[in-house]
PDB file of N, CA and C in Angstrom:
ATOM      1  N   MET A   1      26.335   0.113  49.800  1.00  0.00           N
ATOM      2  CA  MET A   1      26.872   1.324  50.462  1.00  0.00           C
ATOM      3  C   MET A   1      27.504   2.042  49.523  1.00  0.00           C
ATOM      4  N   ASN A   2      27.152   3.578  49.623  1.00  0.00           N
ATOM      5  CA  ASN A   2      27.898   4.298  48.825  1.00  0.00           C
ATOM      6  C   ASN A   2      29.417   4.365  49.176  1.00  0.00           C
ATOM      7  N   GLY A   3      30.187   4.179  47.939  1.00  0.00           N
ATOM      8  CA  GLY A   3      31.804   4.409  48.415  1.00  0.00           C
ATOM      9  C   GLY A   3      32.414   5.203  49.437  1.00  0.00           C
ATOM     10  N   ASP A   4      31.498   6.422  49.221  1.00  0.00           N
ATOM     11  CA  ASP A   4      32.300   7.547  50.066  1.00  0.00           C
ATOM     12  C   ASP A   4      31.876   7.224  51.500  1.00  0.00           C
ATOM     13  N   ILE A   5      30.623   6.447  51.777  1.00  0.00           N
ATOM     14  CA  ILE A   5      30.174   6.262  53.254  1.00  0.00           C
ATOM     15  C   ILE A   5      31.078   5.345  53.656  1.00  0.00           C
ATOM     16  N   PHE A   6      31.396   4.394  52.581  1.00  0.00           N
ATOM     17  CA  PHE A   6      32.436   3.224  53.150  1.00  0.00           C
ATOM     18  C   PHE A   6      33.786   3.655  53.661  1.00  0.00           C
ATOM     19  N   GLU A   7      34.361   4.542  52.827  1.00  0.00           N
ATOM     20  CA  GLU A   7      35.495   4.995  53.158  1.00  0.00           C
ATOM     21  C   GLU A   7      35.354   5.577  54.468  1.00  0.00           C
ATOM     22  N   GLY A   8      34.461   6.616  54.573  1.00  0.00           N
ATOM     23  CA  GLY A   8      34.235   7.558  55.772  1.00  0.00           C
ATOM     24  C   GLY A   8      34.244   6.692  57.233  1.00  0.00           C
ATOM     25  N   LYS A   9      33.623   5.292  57.071  1.00  0.00           N
ATOM     26  CA  LYS A   9      33.429   4.576  58.265  1.00  0.00           C
ATOM     27  C   LYS A   9      34.379   3.545  58.224  1.00  0.00           C
ATOM     28  N   TRP A  10      35.587   3.667  57.512  1.00  0.00           N
ATOM     29  CA  TRP A  10      36.508   2.464  57.458  1.00  0.00           C
ATOM     30  C   TRP A  10      36.760   2.109  58.872  1.00  0.00           C
ATOM     31  N   GLU A  11      37.353   2.908  59.609  1.00  0.00           N
ATOM     32  CA  GLU A  11      38.140   2.673  60.683  1.00  0.00           C
ATOM     33  C   GLU A  11      36.884   1.860  61.877  1.00  0.00           C
ATOM     34  N   GLN A  12      35.831   2.127  61.470  1.00  0.00           N
ATOM     35  CA  GLN A  12      34.668   1.403  62.368  1.00  0.00           C
ATOM     36  C   GLN A  12      34.392  -0.013  61.746  1.00  0.00           C
ATOM     37  N   ALA A  13      34.412  -0.094  60.378  1.00  0.00           N
ATOM     38  CA  ALA A  13      33.960  -1.045  59.864  1.00  0.00           C
ATOM     39  C   ALA A  13      35.021  -2.316  59.610  1.00  0.00           C
ATOM     40  N   LYS A  14      36.297  -1.958  59.771  1.00  0.00           N
ATOM     41  CA  LYS A  14      37.294  -2.937  59.494  1.00  0.00           C
ATOM     42  C   LYS A  14      37.377  -4.120  60.526  1.00  0.00           C
ATOM     43  N   GLY A  15      37.236  -3.622  61.589  1.00  0.00           N
ATOM     44  CA  GLY A  15      36.991  -4.887  62.753  1.00  0.00           C
ATOM     45  C   GLY A  15      35.877  -5.824  62.545  1.00  0.00           C
ATOM     46  N   LYS A  16      34.853  -5.248  62.069  1.00  0.00           N
ATOM     47  CA  LYS A  16      33.633  -5.992  61.702  1.00  0.00           C
ATOM     48  C   LYS A  16      33.746  -6.634  60.496  1.00  0.00           C
ATOM     49  N   ILE A  17      34.390  -6.443  59.572  1.00  0.00           N
ATOM     50  CA  ILE A  17      34.732  -6.840  58.347  1.00  0.00           C
ATOM     51  C   ILE A  17      35.662  -8.068  58.654  1.00  0.00           C
ATOM     52  N   ARG A  18      36.511  -7.985  59.606  1.00  0.00           N
ATOM     53  CA  ARG A  18      37.646  -9.088  59.840  1.00  0.00           C
ATOM     54  C   ARG A  18      36.655 -10.179  60.489  1.00  0.00           C
ATOM     55  N   GLN A  19      35.692  -9.631  61.421  1.00  0.00           N
ATOM     56  CA  GLN A  19      35.029 -10.670  61.938  1.00  0.00           C
ATOM     57  C   GLN A  19      34.220 -11.436  61.115  1.00  0.00           C
ATOM     58  N   LYS A  20      33.617 -10.983  60.014  1.00  0.00           N
ATOM     59  CA  LYS A  20      32.471 -11.348  59.072  1.00  0.00           C
ATOM     60  C   LYS A  20      33.571 -12.172  58.031  1.00  0.00           C
ATOM     61  N   TRP A  21      34.665 -11.641  57.630  1.00  0.00           N
ATOM     62  CA  TRP A  21      35.493 -12.569  56.660  1.00  0.00           C
ATOM     63  C   TRP A  21      36.748 -12.608  57.209  1.00  0.00           C
ATOM     64  N   GLY A  22      36.901 -13.715  58.057  1.00  0.00           N
ATOM     65  CA  GLY A  22      38.169 -13.968  58.713  1.00  0.00           C
ATOM     66  C   GLY A  22      39.444 -14.460  57.819  1.00  0.00           C
ATOM     67  N   LYS A  23      38.982 -14.827  56.466  1.00  0.00           N
ATOM     68  CA  LYS A  23      40.069 -15.210  55.586  1.00  0.00           C
ATOM     69  C   LYS A  23      40.839 -13.962  54.940  1.00  0.00           C
ATOM     70  N   LEU A  24      40.218 -12.919  55.108  1.00  0.00           N
ATOM     71  CA  LEU A  24      41.030 -11.383  54.644  1.00  0.00           C
ATOM     72  C   LEU A  24      42.550 -11.423  55.450  1.00  0.00           C
ATOM     73  N   THR A  25      43.322 -11.299  54.844  1.00  0.00           N
ATOM     74  CA  THR A  25      44.595 -11.122  55.672  1.00  0.00           C
ATOM     75  C   THR A  25      44.798  -9.544  56.088  1.00  0.00           C
ATOM     76  N   ASP A  26      45.892  -9.333  56.691  1.00  0.00           N
ATOM     77  CA  ASP A  26      46.323  -7.920  56.927  1.00  0.00           C
ATOM     78  C   ASP A  26      46.811  -7.100  55.888  1.00  0.00           C
ATOM     79  N   ASP A  27      47.237  -7.897  54.687  1.00  0.00           N
ATOM     80  CA  ASP A  27      47.384  -7.205  53.733  1.00  0.00           C
ATOM     81  C   ASP A  27      46.541  -6.872  52.639  1.00  0.00           C
ATOM     82  N   ASP A  28      45.373  -7.873  52.799  1.00  0.00           N
ATOM     83  CA  ASP A  28      44.162  -7.290  52.092  1.00  0.00           C
ATOM     84  C   ASP A  28      43.335  -6.186  52.635  1.00  0.00           C
ATOM     85  N   MET A  29      43.456  -5.920  53.993  1.00  0.00           N
ATOM     86  CA  MET A  29      42.752  -4.803  54.640  1.00  0.00           C
ATOM     87  C   MET A  29      43.447  -3.546  54.270  1.00  0.00           C
ATOM     88  N   GLN A  30      45.187  -3.681  53.962  1.00  0.00           N
ATOM     89  CA  GLN A  30      45.687  -2.468  53.673  1.00  0.00           C
ATOM     90  C   GLN A  30      45.271  -2.276  52.390  1.00  0.00           C
ATOM     91  N   ARG A  31      44.911  -3.027  51.531  1.00  0.00           N
ATOM     92  CA  ARG A  31      44.654  -2.999  50.085  1.00  0.00           C
ATOM     93  C   ARG A  31      43.571  -2.477  50.106  1.00  0.00           C
ATOM     94  N   ILE A  32      42.507  -2.654  50.712  1.00  0.00           N
ATOM     95  CA  ILE A  32      40.875  -2.367  50.818  1.00  0.00           C
ATOM     96  C   ILE A  32      40.805  -0.803  51.026  1.00  0.00           C
ATOM     97  N   GLN A  33      41.575  -0.413  52.296  1.00  0.00           N
ATOM     98  CA  GLN A  33      41.528   0.781  52.954  1.00  0.00           C
ATOM     99  C   GLN A  33      40.280   1.701  52.688  1.00  0.00           C
ATOM    100  N   GLY A  34      38.867   0.735  52.915  1.00  0.00           N
ATOM    101  CA  GLY A  34      37.707   1.658  52.658  1.00  0.00           C
ATOM    102  C   GLY A  34      37.308   1.541  51.241  1.00  0.00           C
ATOM    103  N   LYS A  35      37.882   1.056  50.306  1.00  0.00           N
ATOM    104  CA  LYS A  35      37.351   0.822  49.011  1.00  0.00           C
ATOM    105  C   LYS A  35      36.389  -0.010  48.822  1.00  0.00           C
ATOM    106  N   SER A  36      35.231  -0.188  48.371  1.00  0.00           N
ATOM    107  CA  SER A  36      34.503  -1.151  48.374  1.00  0.00           C
ATOM    108  C   SER A  36      34.608  -1.993  46.984  1.00  0.00           C
ATOM    109  N   GLN A  37      35.253  -1.415  45.817  1.00  0.00           N
ATOM    110  CA  GLN A  37      35.700  -2.444  44.810  1.00  0.00           C
ATOM    111  C   GLN A  37      36.727  -3.325  45.352  1.00  0.00           C
ATOM    112  N   GLU A  38      37.714  -2.699  46.169  1.00  0.00           N
ATOM    113  CA  GLU A  38      38.999  -3.613  46.456  1.00  0.00           C
ATOM    114  C   GLU A  38      38.115  -4.392  47.408  1.00  0.00           C
ATOM    115  N   LEU A  39      37.405  -4.403  48.331  1.00  0.00           N
ATOM    116  CA  LEU A  39      36.846  -5.201  49.227  1.00  0.00           C
ATOM    117  C   LEU A  39      36.040  -6.389  48.278  1.00  0.00           C
ATOM    118  N   LYS A  40      35.525  -5.932  47.286  1.00  0.00           N
ATOM    119  CA  LYS A  40      34.814  -7.013  46.482  1.00  0.00           C
ATOM    120  C   LYS A  40      35.904  -7.776  45.661  1.00  0.00           C
ATOM    121  N   GLY A  41      36.990  -7.232  45.229  1.00  0.00           N
ATOM    122  CA  GLY A  41      37.993  -8.242  44.802  1.00  0.00           C
ATOM    123  C   GLY A  41      38.715  -8.944  45.747  1.00  0.00           C
ATOM    124  N   CYS A  42      38.707  -8.676  47.039  1.00  0.00           N
ATOM    125  CA  CYS A  42      39.306  -9.487  47.970  1.00  0.00           C
ATOM    126  C   CYS A  42      38.425 -10.757  48.259  1.00  0.00           C
ATOM    127  N   LEU A  43      37.186 -10.370  48.349  1.00  0.00           N
ATOM    128  CA  LEU A  43      36.150 -11.639  48.696  1.00  0.00           C
ATOM    129  C   LEU A  43      36.074 -12.454  47.563  1.00  0.00           C
ATOM    130  N   GLN A  44      36.279 -11.878  46.370  1.00  0.00           N
ATOM    131  CA  GLN A  44      36.211 -12.980  44.998  1.00  0.00           C
ATOM    132  C   GLN A  44      37.634 -13.993  45.209  1.00  0.00           C
ATOM    133  N   GLU A  45      38.648 -13.131  45.676  1.00  0.00           N
ATOM    134  CA  GLU A  45      39.969 -13.910  45.673  1.00  0.00           C
ATOM    135  C   GLU A  45      39.888 -15.104  46.899  1.00  0.00           C
ATOM    136  N   ARG A  46      39.641 -14.467  47.954  1.00  0.00           N
ATOM    137  CA  ARG A  46      39.522 -15.499  49.257  1.00  0.00           C
ATOM    138  C   ARG A  46      38.300 -16.537  49.165  1.00  0.00           C
ATOM    139  N   TYR A  47      37.344 -15.980  48.747  1.00  0.00           N
ATOM    140  CA  TYR A  47      36.173 -16.923  48.959  1.00  0.00           C
ATOM    141  C   TYR A  47      35.668 -17.598  47.793  1.00  0.00           C
ATOM    142  N   GLY A  48      36.176 -17.115  46.797  1.00  0.00           N
ATOM    143  CA  GLY A  48      35.633 -17.558  45.562  1.00  0.00           C
ATOM    144  C   GLY A  48      34.382 -17.170  44.878  1.00  0.00           C
ATOM    145  N   TYR A  49      33.814 -16.053  45.543  1.00  0.00           N
ATOM    146  CA  TYR A  49      32.548 -15.531  45.213  1.00  0.00           C
ATOM    147  C   TYR A  49      32.603 -15.074  43.912  1.00  0.00           C
ATOM    148  N   SER A  50      31.465 -15.183  43.031  1.00  0.00           N
ATOM    149  CA  SER A  50      31.305 -14.214  41.933  1.00  0.00           C
ATOM    150  C   SER A  50      31.142 -12.814  41.958  1.00  0.00           C
ATOM    151  N   LYS A  51      31.238 -12.166  41.219  1.00  0.00           N
ATOM    152  CA  LYS A  51      31.174 -10.648  41.405  1.00  0.00           C
ATOM    153  C   LYS A  51      29.576 -10.493  42.006  1.00  0.00           C
ATOM    154  N   GLU A  52      28.812 -10.894  41.554  1.00  0.00           N
ATOM    155  CA  GLU A  52      27.480 -10.601  41.728  1.00  0.00           C
ATOM    156  C   GLU A  52      27.333 -11.087  43.528  1.00  0.00           C
ATOM    157  N   GLU A  53      27.910 -12.142  43.689  1.00  0.00           N
ATOM    158  CA  GLU A  53      27.792 -12.807  45.133  1.00  0.00           C
ATOM    159  C   GLU A  53      28.575 -11.895  46.259  1.00  0.00           C
ATOM    160  N   ALA A  54      29.759 -11.200  45.577  1.00  0.00           N
ATOM    161  CA  ALA A  54      30.276 -10.234  46.472  1.00  0.00           C
ATOM    162  C   ALA A  54      29.492  -8.963  46.866  1.00  0.00           C
ATOM    163  N   GLU A  55      29.061  -8.584  45.751  1.00  0.00           N
ATOM    164  CA  GLU A  55      28.117  -7.426  45.458  1.00  0.00           C
ATOM    165  C   GLU A  55      26.960  -7.595  46.700  1.00  0.00           C
ATOM    166  N   GLN A  56      26.469  -8.747  46.615  1.00  0.00           N
ATOM    167  CA  GLN A  56      25.434  -9.051  47.507  1.00  0.00           C
ATOM    168  C   GLN A  56      25.712  -9.082  48.966  1.00  0.00           C
ATOM    169  N   GLU A  57      27.067  -9.739  49.055  1.00  0.00           N
ATOM    170  CA  GLU A  57      27.501  -9.995  50.585  1.00  0.00           C
ATOM    171  C   GLU A  57      27.910  -8.492  51.248  1.00  0.00           C
ATOM    172  N   ILE A  58      28.356  -7.609  50.335  1.00  0.00           N
ATOM    173  CA  ILE A  58      28.710  -6.314  50.916  1.00  0.00           C
ATOM    174  C   ILE A  58      27.628  -5.469  51.016  1.00  0.00           C
ATOM    175  N   ASP A  59      26.636  -5.840  50.407  1.00  0.00           N
ATOM    176  CA  ASP A  59      25.171  -4.708  50.446  1.00  0.00           C
ATOM    177  C   ASP A  59      24.792  -5.316  51.857  1.00  0.00           C
ATOM    178  N   LYS A  60      24.461  -6.549  51.949  1.00  0.00           N
ATOM    179  CA  LYS A  60      24.024  -7.265  53.241  1.00  0.00           C
ATOM    180  C   LYS A  60      24.952  -6.425  54.498  1.00  0.00           C
ATOM    181  N   PHE A  61      26.100  -6.857  54.398  1.00  0.00           N
ATOM    182  CA  PHE A  61      26.887  -6.148  55.432  1.00  0.00           C
ATOM    183  C   PHE A  61      26.632  -4.726  55.891  1.00  0.00           C
ATOM    184  N   SER A  62      26.596  -3.992  54.900  1.00  0.00           N
ATOM    185  CA  SER A  62      26.530  -2.532  54.922  1.00  0.00           C
ATOM    186  C   SER A  62      24.967  -2.125  55.327  1.00  0.00           C
ATOM    187  N   LYS A  63      24.029  -3.064  54.924  1.00  0.00           N
ATOM    188  CA  LYS A  63      22.811  -2.624  55.662  1.00  0.00           C
ATOM    189  C   LYS A  63      22.967  -2.888  57.222  1.00  0.00           C
ATOM    190  N   ASN A  64      23.376  -3.997  57.593  1.00  0.00           N
ATOM    191  CA  ASN A  64      23.623  -4.401  58.993  1.00  0.00           C
ATOM    192  C   ASN A  64      24.449  -3.470  59.852  1.00  0.00           C
ATOM    193  N   PHE A  65      25.555  -2.992  58.957  1.00  0.00           N
ATOM    194  CA  PHE A  65      26.426  -2.231  59.560  1.00  0.00           C
ATOM    195  C   PHE A  65      25.848  -0.723  60.052  1.00  0.00           C
ATOM    196  N   GLN A  66      25.153   0.038  58.976  1.00  0.00           N
ATOM    197  CA  GLN A  66      24.748   1.141  59.331  1.00  0.00           C
ATOM    198  C   GLN A  66      23.912   1.581  60.612  1.00  0.00           C
TER     199      GLN A  66
END
């Protein structure tokens, strides 16, 4: 998902993000604020994903979200 689109749909996306990745904390969500790079970092931290795995998960999520 284009970073601008992700930021633009942040309010809609954050509930679904919390449903999909329940290990993300409120602090994580504050840190992310619609930035796909921040989401990738949080997924790597909380789920132990590699950079590539995190990117793939975000891509899958964004395709289903649109």
